[in-house]
Amino acid sequence: MPPITVMIKPASGNCNMRCRYCFYHDITENREIESYGIMTEENLEIIIKKLLERADGSCTIAFQGGEPTLAGLKFFRRLMEFEKQYNTKNVTISNCIQTNGYLIDDEWAQFLGENNFLVGLSLDGTKDIHDANRLDYKLDGTFNRVMKAAKMFEKYKVEFNILCVITSLTARHTAQIYRFFMKNNLRYMQFIPCLDPMYEEKGQHNYSLTPKLYGQFLKNLFDLWYADVKKGNFVYIRYFENLVGMLLGIMPEACGVFGRCSYQTVIEADGGVYPCDFYVIDRYRMGNLITDSFEEIEKKRLEIGFAAQSLHVHEKCKTCRWYKICRGGCRRDREPAVNDVPGLNYFCESYTEFFDYAFDRLAEIAQMVASKR
């Protein structure tokens, strides 16, 4: 068997925050069972045992939500015990977690640091910008708690990236957000385009990201990143790193840049398995890892044909000069699909504008990297 990567949702869609743009809240409302509760330790043990029996070489386990820390620190301590107990083939295990930071204290940060978790911490920029959309259950802003979590991670030497959602608001304040991150030495950044609800016409909400705004955001962000890179001032932005890698002949690791749906295994709290984090809905449920074998789940994966549907290339893409680097973008941005055929990417205009503007400088950075090798 090859190396294996899975995403586990130990708290299902449950969360201690009420972010206005939460895409997973929309997902849970569009399935028969909204929440599968907190994953039991018994289910966790079965899942880890099966994963490590199947994996060869390496096994990457990412915990996401909802908010995965709601499963509790005891749950994650048991995770470490199960990994040691069932890693009979001595595979390399990498653990990751994406968190809103709300529950992070010394004990959590120390645990994550000691056990080498890679953490994604959600932070949308300065206090006013972050607190406009990322609220707690009392509808109060959460900026102060998230910044406290970042300080905790630094204190306990936790490796972490900043996850910033691009909304209509953040897109209008690109330079302010970038400089805030740099000032606070938050140099590992991932900027994630906001998703509108799956079955609604796009662009209807105050937070909605329009193609025009996204195109301008990408150009503004690139200018800032390019200037720092040229000065030798290190900053990691995942999307740009993937693009430069592609120009160097390296396969992109970010799913949305790959051009087709990659092989994913998303495991809900009850053990249910799905092909993508954006499609954890009943239609795409491939089985349950507690009761089903991997072979049965893979058979269902082929029957559903989820990944195969993403291979369709839109007619406009076939004649686009940027297709080889754009690759059509994320399937979720190509909704609504008609007869399971995805449409043109909602942000097509954004990417065309961005590549027209930045491609020569992207190629320059790629050449600079190649010359240093």
Protein backbone atom coordinates (compact mmCIF):
# COMPACT_ATOMS: atom_id res chain seq x y z
CA MET A 1 0.00 0.00 0.00
CA PRO A 2 1.18 3.59 -0.64
CA PRO A 3 1.60 6.37 1.94
CA ILE A 4 -1.81 7.47 3.21
CA THR A 5 -3.30 10.84 4.10
CA VAL A 6 -6.65 11.30 5.82
CA MET A 7 -8.66 14.09 7.39
CA ILE A 8 -10.57 13.31 10.58
CA LYS A 9 -13.41 15.42 12.00
CA PRO A 10 -13.44 14.37 15.67
CA ALA A 11 -16.09 16.93 16.63
CA SER A 12 -18.08 16.68 13.41
CA GLY A 13 -19.49 20.12 12.53
CA ASN A 14 -19.66 21.25 16.16
CA CYS A 15 -17.90 24.52 16.92
CA ASN A 16 -17.50 27.01 19.76
CA MET A 17 -17.50 29.92 17.31
CA ARG A 18 -20.11 31.34 14.95
CA CYS A 19 -18.16 32.60 11.93
CA ARG A 20 -20.52 34.27 9.51
CA TYR A 21 -19.07 32.55 6.45
CA CYS A 22 -18.57 29.01 7.84
CA PHE A 23 -18.82 26.62 4.88
CA TYR A 24 -19.09 23.52 7.07
CA HIS A 25 -22.20 24.86 8.79
CA ASP A 26 -23.74 24.99 5.33
CA ILE A 27 -22.57 21.43 4.66
CA THR A 28 -24.18 20.05 7.82
CA GLU A 29 -27.50 21.73 6.97
CA ASN A 30 -27.55 19.91 3.65
CA ARG A 31 -27.42 16.35 4.95
CA GLU A 32 -29.82 14.15 6.86
CA ILE A 33 -27.76 14.12 10.06
CA GLU A 34 -26.35 17.55 10.85
CA SER A 35 -23.91 16.49 13.58
CA TYR A 36 -22.33 13.13 14.30
CA GLY A 37 -21.26 14.32 17.75
CA ILE A 38 -17.83 13.78 19.27
CA MET A 39 -15.88 10.79 18.02
CA THR A 40 -15.57 8.08 20.66
CA GLU A 41 -12.19 6.77 21.72
CA GLU A 42 -13.35 3.33 20.54
CA ASN A 43 -13.93 4.64 17.04
CA LEU A 44 -10.64 6.51 17.11
CA GLU A 45 -8.79 3.32 18.01
CA ILE A 46 -10.39 1.35 15.17
CA ILE A 47 -9.60 4.09 12.66
CA ILE A 48 -5.95 4.47 13.71
CA LYS A 49 -5.46 0.70 13.69
CA LYS A 50 -6.88 0.40 10.17
CA LEU A 51 -4.89 3.37 8.88
CA LEU A 52 -1.58 2.07 10.18
CA GLU A 53 -2.28 -1.43 8.89
CA ARG A 54 -2.85 0.02 5.42
CA ALA A 55 -0.11 2.66 5.27
CA ASP A 56 3.40 2.07 4.02
CA GLY A 57 6.21 4.54 4.45
CA SER A 58 4.19 7.38 5.89
CA CYS A 59 0.77 8.28 7.30
CA THR A 60 -0.49 11.87 7.57
CA ILE A 61 -3.51 12.53 9.78
CA ALA A 62 -5.12 15.96 9.71
CA PHE A 63 -7.76 16.94 12.26
CA GLN A 64 -10.34 19.50 11.24
CA GLY A 65 -13.88 20.48 12.06
CA GLY A 66 -16.05 22.14 13.06
CA GLU A 67 -13.52 22.72 15.79
CA PRO A 68 -11.44 19.61 16.50
CA THR A 69 -10.18 20.75 19.91
CA LEU A 70 -13.75 20.25 21.20
CA ALA A 71 -12.93 16.53 21.27
CA GLY A 72 -10.72 17.36 24.26
CA LEU A 73 -7.06 16.98 25.10
CA LYS A 74 -7.67 13.52 26.56
CA PHE A 75 -8.90 12.38 23.13
CA PHE A 76 -5.67 13.55 21.50
CA ARG A 77 -3.52 11.99 24.22
CA ARG A 78 -5.25 8.70 23.43
CA LEU A 79 -4.48 9.32 19.77
CA MET A 80 -0.76 9.35 20.57
CA GLU A 81 -1.13 6.11 22.53
CA PHE A 82 -2.96 4.40 19.67
CA GLU A 83 -0.37 5.56 17.15
CA LYS A 84 2.42 4.05 19.21
CA GLN A 85 0.47 0.86 19.86
CA TYR A 86 -0.50 0.12 16.25
CA ASN A 87 2.52 1.45 14.35
CA THR A 88 3.98 -2.02 13.96
CA LYS A 89 5.43 -1.21 10.52
CA ASN A 90 7.27 1.85 11.84
CA VAL A 91 5.74 4.22 9.31
CA THR A 92 6.43 7.93 9.67
CA ILE A 93 3.34 9.54 11.21
CA SER A 94 2.62 13.25 10.72
CA ASN A 95 -0.18 14.86 12.71
CA CYS A 96 -1.82 18.15 11.74
CA ILE A 97 -4.69 20.13 13.21
CA GLN A 98 -6.66 23.16 12.05
CA THR A 99 -8.04 25.22 14.90
CA ASN A 100 -9.80 28.50 15.56
CA GLY A 101 -7.52 28.89 18.59
CA TYR A 102 -10.37 29.56 21.01
CA LEU A 103 -9.48 26.80 23.51
CA ILE A 104 -5.71 26.96 23.20
CA ASP A 105 -3.96 27.34 26.55
CA ASP A 106 -0.57 26.32 27.92
CA GLU A 107 -1.55 22.68 28.22
CA TRP A 108 -2.82 22.45 24.65
CA ALA A 109 0.15 24.33 23.20
CA GLN A 110 2.66 22.25 25.14
CA PHE A 111 1.00 19.03 23.93
CA LEU A 112 1.00 20.16 20.28
CA GLY A 113 4.62 21.25 20.49
CA GLU A 114 5.89 18.13 22.23
CA ASN A 115 4.10 15.88 19.73
CA ASN A 116 5.19 17.81 16.63
CA PHE A 117 1.73 18.75 15.35
CA LEU A 118 1.65 21.10 12.38
CA VAL A 119 -1.10 23.60 13.19
CA GLY A 120 -3.25 25.79 10.98
CA LEU A 121 -4.51 28.76 13.01
CA SER A 122 -7.44 30.74 11.63
CA LEU A 123 -6.83 34.48 11.75
CA ASP A 124 -8.31 36.98 9.30
CA GLY A 125 -5.96 39.89 9.98
CA THR A 126 -6.19 42.90 12.26
CA LYS A 127 -8.69 43.05 15.12
CA ASP A 128 -11.39 45.01 13.29
CA ILE A 129 -11.19 42.84 10.19
CA HIS A 130 -11.03 39.54 12.05
CA ASP A 131 -13.83 40.40 14.47
CA ALA A 132 -16.18 41.41 11.66
CA ASN A 133 -16.81 37.76 10.76
CA ARG A 134 -15.12 35.47 13.27
CA LEU A 135 -17.39 35.62 16.32
CA ASP A 136 -17.90 33.41 19.37
CA TYR A 137 -21.25 31.94 20.44
CA LYS A 138 -22.08 35.22 22.21
CA LEU A 139 -21.40 37.01 18.89
CA ASP A 140 -18.36 38.74 20.39
CA GLY A 141 -15.11 39.07 18.47
CA THR A 142 -12.41 36.42 18.95
CA PHE A 143 -9.26 38.27 17.83
CA ASN A 144 -7.71 38.55 21.29
CA ARG A 145 -8.09 34.83 21.98
CA VAL A 146 -6.59 33.89 18.63
CA MET A 147 -3.59 36.16 19.12
CA LYS A 148 -3.13 34.65 22.57
CA ALA A 149 -3.10 31.21 20.93
CA ALA A 150 -0.41 32.38 18.48
CA LYS A 151 1.74 33.55 21.39
CA MET A 152 1.23 30.19 23.09
CA PHE A 153 2.39 28.41 19.94
CA GLU A 154 5.50 30.56 19.79
CA LYS A 155 6.21 29.91 23.47
CA TYR A 156 6.06 26.12 23.06
CA LYS A 157 7.71 26.09 19.61
CA VAL A 158 4.64 24.81 17.80
CA GLU A 159 5.01 24.89 14.01
CA PHE A 160 1.98 26.74 12.67
CA ASN A 161 0.59 28.51 9.61
CA ILE A 162 -1.94 31.33 9.51
CA LEU A 163 -5.17 30.53 7.65
CA CYS A 164 -6.85 33.70 6.42
CA VAL A 165 -10.22 33.57 4.66
CA ILE A 166 -10.56 35.98 1.75
CA THR A 167 -13.92 37.72 2.04
CA SER A 168 -15.21 40.95 0.51
CA LEU A 169 -13.75 42.70 3.55
CA THR A 170 -10.31 41.10 3.67
CA ALA A 171 -9.94 41.52 -0.11
CA ARG A 172 -10.28 45.28 0.33
CA HIS A 173 -7.53 45.46 2.96
CA THR A 174 -4.80 43.26 1.49
CA ALA A 175 -1.84 45.45 2.38
CA GLN A 176 -3.08 46.12 5.90
CA ILE A 177 -3.49 42.39 6.60
CA TYR A 178 -0.18 41.40 5.02
CA ARG A 179 1.77 44.01 6.95
CA PHE A 180 0.02 43.02 10.18
CA PHE A 181 1.09 39.41 9.69
CA MET A 182 4.65 40.43 8.87
CA LYS A 183 4.85 42.80 11.84
CA ASN A 184 3.83 39.92 14.12
CA ASN A 185 6.30 37.54 12.46
CA LEU A 186 3.48 35.39 11.08
CA ARG A 187 5.36 34.54 7.90
CA TYR A 188 3.62 31.29 6.95
CA MET A 189 0.32 32.26 5.35
CA GLN A 190 -2.50 30.51 3.55
CA PHE A 191 -5.19 32.65 1.99
CA ILE A 192 -8.43 30.75 1.36
CA PRO A 193 -11.17 32.11 -0.91
CA CYS A 194 -14.47 32.33 0.96
CA LEU A 195 -17.14 29.84 -0.12
CA ASP A 196 -20.74 30.87 -0.54
CA PRO A 197 -23.39 28.29 0.43
CA MET A 198 -23.37 25.36 -1.98
CA TYR A 199 -26.91 25.60 -3.32
CA GLU A 200 -27.22 29.39 -3.51
CA GLU A 201 -26.42 31.84 -6.25
CA LYS A 202 -22.98 33.25 -5.49
CA GLY A 203 -22.36 36.80 -4.31
CA GLN A 204 -25.46 37.43 -2.19
CA HIS A 205 -23.87 37.84 1.25
CA ASN A 206 -21.99 40.74 2.81
CA TYR A 207 -18.95 38.49 3.14
CA SER A 208 -19.17 37.10 -0.42
CA LEU A 209 -15.99 37.27 -2.48
CA THR A 210 -16.64 38.48 -6.03
CA PRO A 211 -14.38 37.70 -9.01
CA LYS A 212 -13.45 41.37 -9.35
CA LEU A 213 -12.41 41.64 -5.70
CA TYR A 214 -10.50 38.36 -5.79
CA GLY A 215 -8.54 39.36 -8.88
CA GLN A 216 -7.53 42.64 -7.27
CA PHE A 217 -6.64 40.86 -4.03
CA LEU A 218 -4.33 38.40 -5.81
CA LYS A 219 -2.54 41.21 -7.64
CA ASN A 220 -2.10 43.31 -4.51
CA LEU A 221 -0.90 40.35 -2.45
CA PHE A 222 1.51 39.28 -5.17
CA ASP A 223 3.08 42.75 -5.33
CA LEU A 224 3.74 42.66 -1.59
CA TRP A 225 5.11 39.10 -1.65
CA TYR A 226 7.25 39.72 -4.74
CA ALA A 227 8.85 42.81 -3.22
CA ASP A 228 9.81 40.91 -0.07
CA VAL A 229 11.11 37.87 -1.97
CA LYS A 230 13.27 40.08 -4.17
CA LYS A 231 14.76 41.66 -1.04
CA GLY A 232 15.49 38.22 0.43
CA ASN A 233 12.84 38.75 3.10
CA PHE A 234 11.33 35.29 3.61
CA VAL A 235 7.55 34.86 3.57
CA TYR A 236 5.57 31.75 2.65
CA ILE A 237 2.27 32.11 0.82
CA ARG A 238 0.97 28.70 -0.13
CA TYR A 239 -0.70 29.60 -3.43
CA PHE A 240 2.31 31.45 -4.81
CA GLU A 241 4.67 28.71 -3.61
CA ASN A 242 2.62 26.14 -5.50
CA LEU A 243 2.66 28.23 -8.67
CA VAL A 244 6.43 28.68 -8.54
CA GLY A 245 6.83 24.96 -7.91
CA MET A 246 4.72 24.18 -10.98
CA LEU A 247 6.97 26.37 -13.11
CA LEU A 248 9.88 24.29 -11.80
CA GLY A 249 8.15 21.06 -12.77
CA ILE A 250 6.99 20.19 -9.25
CA MET A 251 3.52 18.75 -8.78
CA PRO A 252 1.37 21.12 -6.68
CA GLU A 253 0.40 19.88 -3.23
CA ALA A 254 -2.58 22.23 -2.87
CA CYS A 255 -5.69 20.46 -4.08
CA GLY A 256 -7.28 23.51 -5.72
CA VAL A 257 -4.19 24.11 -7.86
CA PHE A 258 -3.96 20.53 -9.06
CA GLY A 259 -6.71 20.92 -11.65
CA ARG A 260 -8.66 17.84 -10.67
CA CYS A 261 -9.89 16.36 -7.43
CA SER A 262 -7.06 14.61 -5.66
CA TYR A 263 -7.36 11.37 -3.72
CA GLN A 264 -8.85 12.36 -0.36
CA THR A 265 -10.28 10.44 2.56
CA VAL A 266 -12.36 12.56 4.94
CA ILE A 267 -13.62 10.75 8.04
CA GLU A 268 -16.56 12.12 10.04
CA ALA A 269 -16.97 11.57 13.78
CA ASP A 270 -19.08 8.44 13.27
CA GLY A 271 -16.50 6.92 10.91
CA GLY A 272 -18.31 7.92 7.72
CA VAL A 273 -15.96 8.44 4.77
CA TYR A 274 -16.20 11.10 2.03
CA PRO A 275 -14.02 12.10 -0.96
CA CYS A 276 -13.60 15.82 -0.16
CA ASP A 277 -13.94 18.20 2.77
CA PHE A 278 -16.22 20.43 0.67
CA TYR A 279 -18.58 17.54 -0.10
CA VAL A 280 -19.23 15.78 3.22
CA ILE A 281 -22.85 15.23 2.22
CA ASP A 282 -25.00 12.12 2.00
CA ARG A 283 -24.71 11.78 -1.76
CA TYR A 284 -20.95 11.27 -1.56
CA ARG A 285 -20.76 9.06 1.53
CA MET A 286 -18.51 6.12 0.58
CA GLY A 287 -19.03 3.93 3.62
CA ASN A 288 -17.96 3.79 7.24
CA LEU A 289 -14.42 2.91 8.28
CA ILE A 290 -15.65 1.43 11.56
CA THR A 291 -17.61 -1.32 9.82
CA ASP A 292 -16.29 -1.33 6.24
CA SER A 293 -12.92 -2.32 4.83
CA PHE A 294 -10.77 0.02 2.79
CA GLU A 295 -11.45 -2.22 -0.20
CA GLU A 296 -15.21 -1.71 0.16
CA ILE A 297 -14.76 2.04 0.53
CA GLU A 298 -12.52 2.23 -2.54
CA LYS A 299 -15.06 0.29 -4.58
CA LYS A 300 -17.73 2.81 -3.57
CA ARG A 301 -15.36 5.68 -4.42
CA LEU A 302 -15.13 4.40 -7.99
CA GLU A 303 -18.89 3.91 -8.22
CA ILE A 304 -19.57 7.49 -7.12
CA GLY A 305 -17.10 8.82 -9.69
CA PHE A 306 -16.45 12.02 -7.75
CA ALA A 307 -12.86 12.50 -8.89
CA ALA A 308 -13.62 11.44 -12.46
CA GLN A 309 -16.23 14.20 -12.76
CA SER A 310 -13.56 16.82 -12.05
CA LEU A 311 -11.55 15.78 -15.13
CA HIS A 312 -13.94 17.64 -17.41
CA VAL A 313 -12.25 20.62 -19.06
CA HIS A 314 -14.50 23.57 -19.89
CA GLU A 315 -14.45 24.71 -23.52
CA LYS A 316 -13.14 28.14 -22.52
CA CYS A 317 -10.24 26.52 -20.66
CA LYS A 318 -9.17 24.58 -23.76
CA THR A 319 -8.20 27.77 -25.55
CA CYS A 320 -6.93 29.74 -22.54
CA ARG A 321 -3.23 30.61 -22.53
CA TRP A 322 -3.13 30.18 -18.75
CA TYR A 323 -4.78 26.77 -18.50
CA LYS A 324 -1.53 24.88 -17.86
CA ILE A 325 -0.91 26.84 -14.68
CA CYS A 326 -4.52 27.59 -13.69
CA ARG A 327 -5.85 24.10 -14.53
CA GLY A 328 -9.43 25.18 -14.06
CA GLY A 329 -9.22 25.63 -10.30
CA CYS A 330 -11.10 23.93 -7.47
CA ARG A 331 -14.18 21.86 -8.33
CA ARG A 332 -16.20 23.61 -5.62
CA ASP A 333 -15.71 26.90 -7.49
CA ARG A 334 -17.06 25.20 -10.63
CA GLU A 335 -20.48 24.60 -9.13
CA PRO A 336 -23.24 24.29 -10.03
CA ALA A 337 -22.49 21.16 -12.01
CA VAL A 338 -24.99 20.13 -14.69
CA ASN A 339 -25.48 16.36 -14.98
CA ASP A 340 -22.33 15.96 -12.86
CA VAL A 341 -20.32 18.08 -15.30
CA PRO A 342 -18.65 21.03 -13.50
CA GLY A 343 -18.96 24.44 -15.11
CA LEU A 344 -16.48 27.27 -15.61
CA ASN A 345 -14.69 28.39 -12.47
CA TYR A 346 -16.54 31.27 -10.79
CA PHE A 347 -13.17 33.03 -10.42
CA CYS A 348 -12.04 32.52 -14.03
CA GLU A 349 -11.95 36.28 -14.53
CA SER A 350 -9.85 36.66 -11.37
CA TYR A 351 -7.22 34.13 -12.42
CA THR A 352 -6.99 35.47 -15.98
CA GLU A 353 -6.44 38.98 -14.66
CA PHE A 354 -3.87 37.75 -12.12
CA PHE A 355 -1.78 35.68 -14.54
CA ASP A 356 -1.81 38.46 -17.14
CA TYR A 357 -0.46 40.73 -14.42
CA ALA A 358 1.99 38.50 -12.54
CA PHE A 359 3.14 35.60 -14.70
CA ASP A 360 6.42 37.12 -15.88
CA ARG A 361 7.42 37.86 -12.30
CA LEU A 362 6.34 34.39 -11.18
CA ALA A 363 8.64 32.97 -13.84
CA GLU A 364 11.41 35.29 -12.63
CA ILE A 365 11.07 33.98 -9.08
CA ALA A 366 11.09 30.40 -10.38
CA GLN A 367 14.30 31.10 -12.30
CA MET A 368 15.80 32.67 -9.19
CA VAL A 369 14.96 29.55 -7.16
CA ALA A 370 16.33 27.25 -9.87
CA SER A 371 19.63 29.16 -10.00
CA LYS A 372 20.14 28.68 -6.25
CA ARG A 373 19.70 24.93 -6.40
